[in-house]
Amino acid sequence: MATGTAADGTVGKALEVLDRVAAHGRPVRFSDLLAESAYPKATLYRLLQTLVHQGLLTQDEATGSYRPGLRLLRLAHAAWATASLAPIARPWLDTLAMETGETIHLAQLDQGQVLYVDKRNAARPVEMYSSAGKVGPAYCTGVGKAMLAFLPPAALPGVLARQSFHRFTPATLDSAEKLTAELAEVRARGHAFDREEHEPGIICCAVPILTRGGRVIGALSVTSTTARSTLETLAAGAGRLRDLAAQIAAAAEDWQFPEAG
């Protein structure tokens, strides 16, 4: 979650409050926000009212609760269309979904975390954490490790410092040392795995999407379950994944994406 600093001023504080409202995933009352906020009551109220006036939040007249406003949808759509790989990669995701019948993820790295920018559900859909627009951990997901492994060496320590290393399952890598060792293996073989590290029963094979110069602009994965597939089966399709990732990268070459990190 973004945190406002003195240098960010009022804008940074307002965005932090906006993040907190959005993180609840439901309408949230002022009292709940105040209980978790570092700001005084008057400051928090002023920031909330500014966000409401700007259309970034909506306040329910009956309950007084706050939720994200429609202006955010317009901004999100603009970001999706101009800074996301999703519009470019759509035909390749459709192809991969048809070929495999499995869940397909397209992700980018944002502030050291995974941002899922597009998804295709499996022919037999399985409930899982990911969805387009959702943020997930990088250290315990296939797409996250695929991107981390190909970051410039100078950028990696800063990104590792942003990982929580919370242990979601018994298979989760829970330290920077363990993750660093696995990232070396990912670089050597060219693809990453999720070995039920984020969710029990969910496995995947992922590859980075790299520009011709080797810059990471995203990751592509095929995700399945232990009930109907194995890591070996998914790994057998890694070559096809790399081919499609290269095609996506070539199509994106004329676009200017933010540096991953």
Protein backbone atom coordinates (compact mmCIF):
# COMPACT_ATOMS: atom_id res chain seq x y z
CA MET A 1 0.00 0.00 0.00
CA ALA A 2 1.30 3.44 -0.91
CA THR A 3 2.33 5.63 1.98
CA GLY A 4 2.37 9.41 1.84
CA THR A 5 5.57 11.15 2.87
CA ALA A 6 6.35 14.73 3.84
CA ALA A 7 7.72 15.29 0.35
CA ASP A 8 4.44 14.10 -1.20
CA GLY A 9 2.41 16.64 0.78
CA THR A 10 -1.37 16.65 0.64
CA VAL A 11 -1.48 14.67 -2.60
CA GLY A 12 0.47 11.81 -1.05
CA LYS A 13 -1.77 11.79 2.03
CA ALA A 14 -4.92 11.79 -0.08
CA LEU A 15 -3.68 8.93 -2.22
CA GLU A 16 -2.82 6.94 0.90
CA VAL A 17 -6.40 7.40 2.13
CA LEU A 18 -7.69 6.38 -1.31
CA ASP A 19 -5.56 3.24 -1.15
CA ARG A 20 -6.98 2.39 2.26
CA VAL A 21 -10.57 2.73 1.10
CA ALA A 22 -9.88 0.60 -1.98
CA ALA A 23 -8.07 -2.06 0.08
CA HIS A 24 -11.22 -2.80 2.09
CA GLY A 25 -12.96 -4.16 -1.00
CA ARG A 26 -16.31 -2.89 0.29
CA PRO A 27 -17.87 0.40 1.42
CA VAL A 28 -16.11 1.52 4.58
CA ARG A 29 -17.27 3.90 7.33
CA PHE A 30 -15.36 6.92 8.55
CA SER A 31 -14.96 5.38 12.01
CA ASP A 32 -13.24 2.32 10.55
CA LEU A 33 -10.86 4.47 8.51
CA LEU A 34 -10.11 6.66 11.52
CA ALA A 35 -9.27 3.61 13.65
CA GLU A 36 -6.52 2.56 11.23
CA SER A 37 -5.34 6.00 10.13
CA ALA A 38 -2.33 7.94 11.40
CA TYR A 39 -4.09 11.22 10.62
CA PRO A 40 -6.16 13.29 13.08
CA LYS A 41 -9.93 13.17 12.69
CA ALA A 42 -10.17 16.61 11.05
CA THR A 43 -7.34 15.87 8.60
CA LEU A 44 -8.81 12.52 7.59
CA TYR A 45 -12.25 14.05 7.07
CA ARG A 46 -10.78 16.84 4.91
CA LEU A 47 -8.85 14.37 2.77
CA LEU A 48 -11.93 12.18 2.30
CA GLN A 49 -14.07 15.15 1.29
CA THR A 50 -11.44 16.28 -1.23
CA LEU A 51 -11.42 12.79 -2.79
CA VAL A 52 -15.23 12.81 -2.93
CA HIS A 53 -15.30 16.25 -4.58
CA GLN A 54 -12.79 15.04 -7.18
CA GLY A 55 -14.87 11.96 -7.97
CA LEU A 56 -12.20 9.55 -6.75
CA LEU A 57 -14.43 8.43 -3.88
CA THR A 58 -18.21 8.23 -3.54
CA GLN A 59 -19.98 8.71 -0.22
CA ASP A 60 -23.26 6.92 0.40
CA GLU A 61 -25.77 9.46 1.67
CA ALA A 62 -27.69 6.90 3.73
CA THR A 63 -24.82 5.17 5.51
CA GLY A 64 -22.03 7.75 5.20
CA SER A 65 -19.66 5.02 3.99
CA TYR A 66 -17.04 5.55 1.30
CA ARG A 67 -16.17 3.53 -1.80
CA PRO A 68 -14.06 4.13 -4.93
CA GLY A 69 -15.62 6.59 -7.36
CA LEU A 70 -16.36 6.32 -11.07
CA ARG A 71 -13.51 8.65 -11.96
CA LEU A 72 -11.15 5.86 -10.91
CA LEU A 73 -12.73 3.59 -13.51
CA ARG A 74 -12.00 6.13 -16.25
CA LEU A 75 -8.42 6.49 -15.05
CA ALA A 76 -8.02 2.73 -14.77
CA HIS A 77 -9.32 2.22 -18.30
CA ALA A 78 -6.89 4.84 -19.64
CA ALA A 79 -3.99 3.15 -17.83
CA TRP A 80 -5.08 -0.27 -19.11
CA ALA A 81 -5.20 1.03 -22.68
CA THR A 82 -1.94 3.00 -22.69
CA ALA A 83 0.41 1.52 -20.06
CA SER A 84 -0.71 -2.10 -19.90
CA LEU A 85 0.31 -5.05 -22.03
CA ALA A 86 -3.28 -6.29 -22.02
CA PRO A 87 -4.56 -4.71 -25.27
CA ILE A 88 -1.44 -5.81 -27.14
CA ALA A 89 -1.36 -9.35 -25.78
CA ARG A 90 -5.06 -10.18 -26.13
CA PRO A 91 -4.84 -12.38 -29.28
CA TRP A 92 -1.95 -14.43 -27.89
CA LEU A 93 -3.77 -14.98 -24.59
CA ASP A 94 -6.84 -16.14 -26.52
CA THR A 95 -4.70 -18.55 -28.55
CA LEU A 96 -2.96 -19.98 -25.49
CA ALA A 97 -6.25 -20.43 -23.65
CA MET A 98 -7.71 -22.35 -26.59
CA GLU A 99 -4.61 -24.52 -26.94
CA THR A 100 -4.30 -25.47 -23.27
CA GLY A 101 -7.79 -25.22 -21.82
CA GLU A 102 -6.09 -23.88 -18.68
CA THR A 103 -6.06 -20.52 -16.89
CA ILE A 104 -3.81 -17.95 -18.55
CA HIS A 105 -2.30 -14.97 -16.72
CA LEU A 106 -0.69 -11.82 -18.04
CA ALA A 107 1.11 -9.77 -15.39
CA GLN A 108 3.41 -6.81 -14.94
CA LEU A 109 5.59 -5.75 -12.03
CA ASP A 110 4.44 -2.71 -10.05
CA GLN A 111 6.37 -1.46 -7.01
CA GLY A 112 7.86 -4.91 -6.52
CA GLN A 113 4.49 -6.66 -6.60
CA VAL A 114 2.58 -8.54 -9.31
CA LEU A 115 -0.21 -6.67 -11.07
CA TYR A 116 -2.46 -9.03 -12.99
CA VAL A 117 -3.42 -7.09 -16.12
CA ASP A 118 -5.37 -9.81 -17.94
CA LYS A 119 -6.63 -13.35 -17.43
CA ARG A 120 -8.34 -16.14 -19.34
CA ASN A 121 -10.29 -18.68 -17.32
CA ALA A 122 -9.81 -22.39 -17.83
CA ALA A 123 -12.32 -24.44 -19.80
CA ARG A 124 -13.25 -25.84 -16.38
CA PRO A 125 -12.78 -22.72 -14.24
CA VAL A 126 -11.14 -23.01 -10.84
CA GLU A 127 -11.56 -20.43 -8.10
CA MET A 128 -8.26 -18.72 -7.35
CA TYR A 129 -6.92 -15.44 -6.01
CA SER A 130 -5.95 -13.81 -9.30
CA SER A 131 -8.11 -11.52 -11.42
CA ALA A 132 -7.38 -8.65 -13.78
CA GLY A 133 -6.53 -5.53 -11.81
CA LYS A 134 -5.61 -7.42 -8.66
CA VAL A 135 -2.20 -7.12 -6.99
CA GLY A 136 -0.42 -10.22 -5.70
CA PRO A 137 2.95 -11.12 -4.19
CA ALA A 138 5.93 -11.55 -6.50
CA TYR A 139 8.04 -13.91 -4.37
CA CYS A 140 5.59 -16.83 -4.38
CA THR A 141 3.91 -16.67 -7.79
CA GLY A 142 5.18 -18.01 -11.10
CA VAL A 143 4.73 -14.72 -12.96
CA GLY A 144 6.38 -12.84 -10.10
CA LYS A 145 9.46 -15.04 -10.01
CA ALA A 146 9.71 -15.01 -13.82
CA MET A 147 9.95 -11.21 -13.75
CA LEU A 148 12.19 -10.92 -10.69
CA ALA A 149 14.69 -13.36 -12.16
CA PHE A 150 15.33 -11.15 -15.19
CA LEU A 151 15.55 -7.76 -13.50
CA PRO A 152 18.89 -5.93 -13.74
CA PRO A 153 21.12 -7.08 -10.85
CA ALA A 154 21.26 -3.55 -9.45
CA ALA A 155 17.46 -3.38 -9.21
CA LEU A 156 16.92 -6.73 -7.50
CA PRO A 157 17.95 -5.85 -3.89
CA GLY A 158 15.42 -3.00 -3.75
CA VAL A 159 12.65 -5.22 -5.07
CA LEU A 160 13.52 -8.04 -2.67
CA ALA A 161 13.28 -5.58 0.20
CA ARG A 162 9.63 -4.97 -0.74
CA GLN A 163 8.66 -8.65 -0.37
CA SER A 164 6.81 -9.67 2.81
CA PHE A 165 7.86 -13.35 2.71
CA HIS A 166 4.63 -14.26 4.44
CA ARG A 167 4.21 -18.03 4.38
CA PHE A 168 0.92 -18.75 2.57
CA THR A 169 1.49 -22.52 2.31
CA PRO A 170 4.16 -25.00 3.47
CA ALA A 171 5.81 -24.59 0.04
CA THR A 172 6.17 -20.79 0.19
CA LEU A 173 9.72 -19.44 -0.06
CA ASP A 174 10.00 -17.48 3.17
CA SER A 175 13.32 -15.66 2.90
CA ALA A 176 15.29 -13.50 0.48
CA GLU A 177 18.08 -16.10 0.50
CA LYS A 178 15.79 -18.93 -0.64
CA LEU A 179 14.17 -16.73 -3.27
CA THR A 180 17.52 -15.52 -4.61
CA ALA A 181 18.68 -19.12 -5.05
CA GLU A 182 15.53 -20.03 -6.94
CA LEU A 183 15.75 -16.94 -9.17
CA ALA A 184 19.18 -18.14 -10.32
CA GLU A 185 17.55 -21.44 -11.36
CA VAL A 186 14.78 -19.56 -13.16
CA ARG A 187 17.32 -17.55 -15.15
CA ALA A 188 19.17 -20.75 -16.09
CA ARG A 189 16.12 -22.64 -17.39
CA GLY A 190 14.14 -19.63 -18.69
CA HIS A 191 10.87 -20.31 -16.89
CA ALA A 192 9.50 -20.22 -13.33
CA PHE A 193 7.14 -22.42 -11.37
CA ASP A 194 4.53 -21.88 -8.71
CA ARG A 195 4.66 -25.09 -6.66
CA GLU A 196 1.53 -24.42 -4.61
CA GLU A 197 3.40 -21.54 -3.02
CA HIS A 198 0.57 -18.99 -2.97
CA GLU A 199 -2.51 -21.20 -2.91
CA PRO A 200 -2.84 -24.92 -2.07
CA GLY A 201 -3.51 -27.02 -5.15
CA ILE A 202 -2.61 -24.26 -7.63
CA ILE A 203 0.47 -24.73 -9.84
CA CYS A 204 1.82 -22.84 -12.82
CA CYS A 205 4.62 -22.38 -15.32
CA ALA A 206 5.54 -18.81 -16.25
CA VAL A 207 7.97 -17.02 -18.56
CA PRO A 208 9.11 -13.40 -18.65
CA ILE A 209 8.17 -11.08 -21.50
CA LEU A 210 11.43 -9.40 -22.52
CA THR A 211 12.23 -6.69 -25.03
CA ARG A 212 15.02 -7.30 -27.54
CA GLY A 213 17.33 -5.51 -25.13
CA GLY A 214 16.38 -7.89 -22.32
CA ARG A 215 14.17 -5.49 -20.35
CA VAL A 216 11.34 -7.10 -18.37
CA ILE A 217 7.94 -5.75 -19.38
CA GLY A 218 5.73 -8.55 -18.10
CA ALA A 219 5.16 -12.26 -17.66
CA LEU A 220 2.92 -14.92 -19.15
CA SER A 221 1.77 -18.11 -17.41
CA VAL A 222 -0.32 -21.22 -17.72
CA THR A 223 -1.95 -22.14 -14.41
CA SER A 224 -3.62 -25.40 -13.44
CA THR A 225 -4.37 -27.51 -10.40
CA THR A 226 -2.67 -30.53 -8.90
CA ALA A 227 -5.92 -32.42 -9.45
CA ARG A 228 -5.62 -32.29 -13.24
CA SER A 229 -2.00 -31.51 -14.09
CA THR A 230 1.61 -31.68 -12.92
CA LEU A 231 4.59 -29.34 -13.02
CA GLU A 232 6.22 -31.67 -15.54
CA THR A 233 3.23 -31.39 -17.86
CA LEU A 234 3.20 -27.60 -17.58
CA ALA A 235 6.97 -27.43 -18.10
CA ALA A 236 6.58 -29.35 -21.36
CA GLY A 237 4.77 -26.31 -22.73
CA ALA A 238 7.42 -23.80 -21.64
CA GLY A 239 8.85 -23.55 -25.16
CA ARG A 240 5.46 -22.56 -26.55
CA LEU A 241 5.08 -20.02 -23.73
CA ARG A 242 8.43 -18.46 -24.62
CA ASP A 243 7.48 -18.25 -28.30
CA LEU A 244 4.23 -16.43 -27.50
CA ALA A 245 5.97 -14.16 -24.98
CA ALA A 246 8.47 -13.20 -27.68
CA GLN A 247 5.62 -12.39 -30.07
CA ILE A 248 3.95 -10.21 -27.44
CA ALA A 249 7.25 -8.44 -26.78
CA ALA A 250 7.76 -7.80 -30.50
CA ALA A 251 4.27 -6.33 -30.81
CA ALA A 252 4.95 -4.12 -27.77
CA GLU A 253 8.35 -2.92 -28.97
CA ASP A 254 7.02 0.43 -30.16
CA TRP A 255 5.27 1.07 -26.85
CA GLN A 256 7.05 2.71 -23.93
CA PHE A 257 6.41 0.78 -20.74
CA PRO A 258 7.57 1.87 -17.28
CA GLU A 259 10.65 0.11 -15.95
CA ALA A 260 9.70 -2.97 -13.94
CA GLY A 261 10.40 -2.67 -10.25
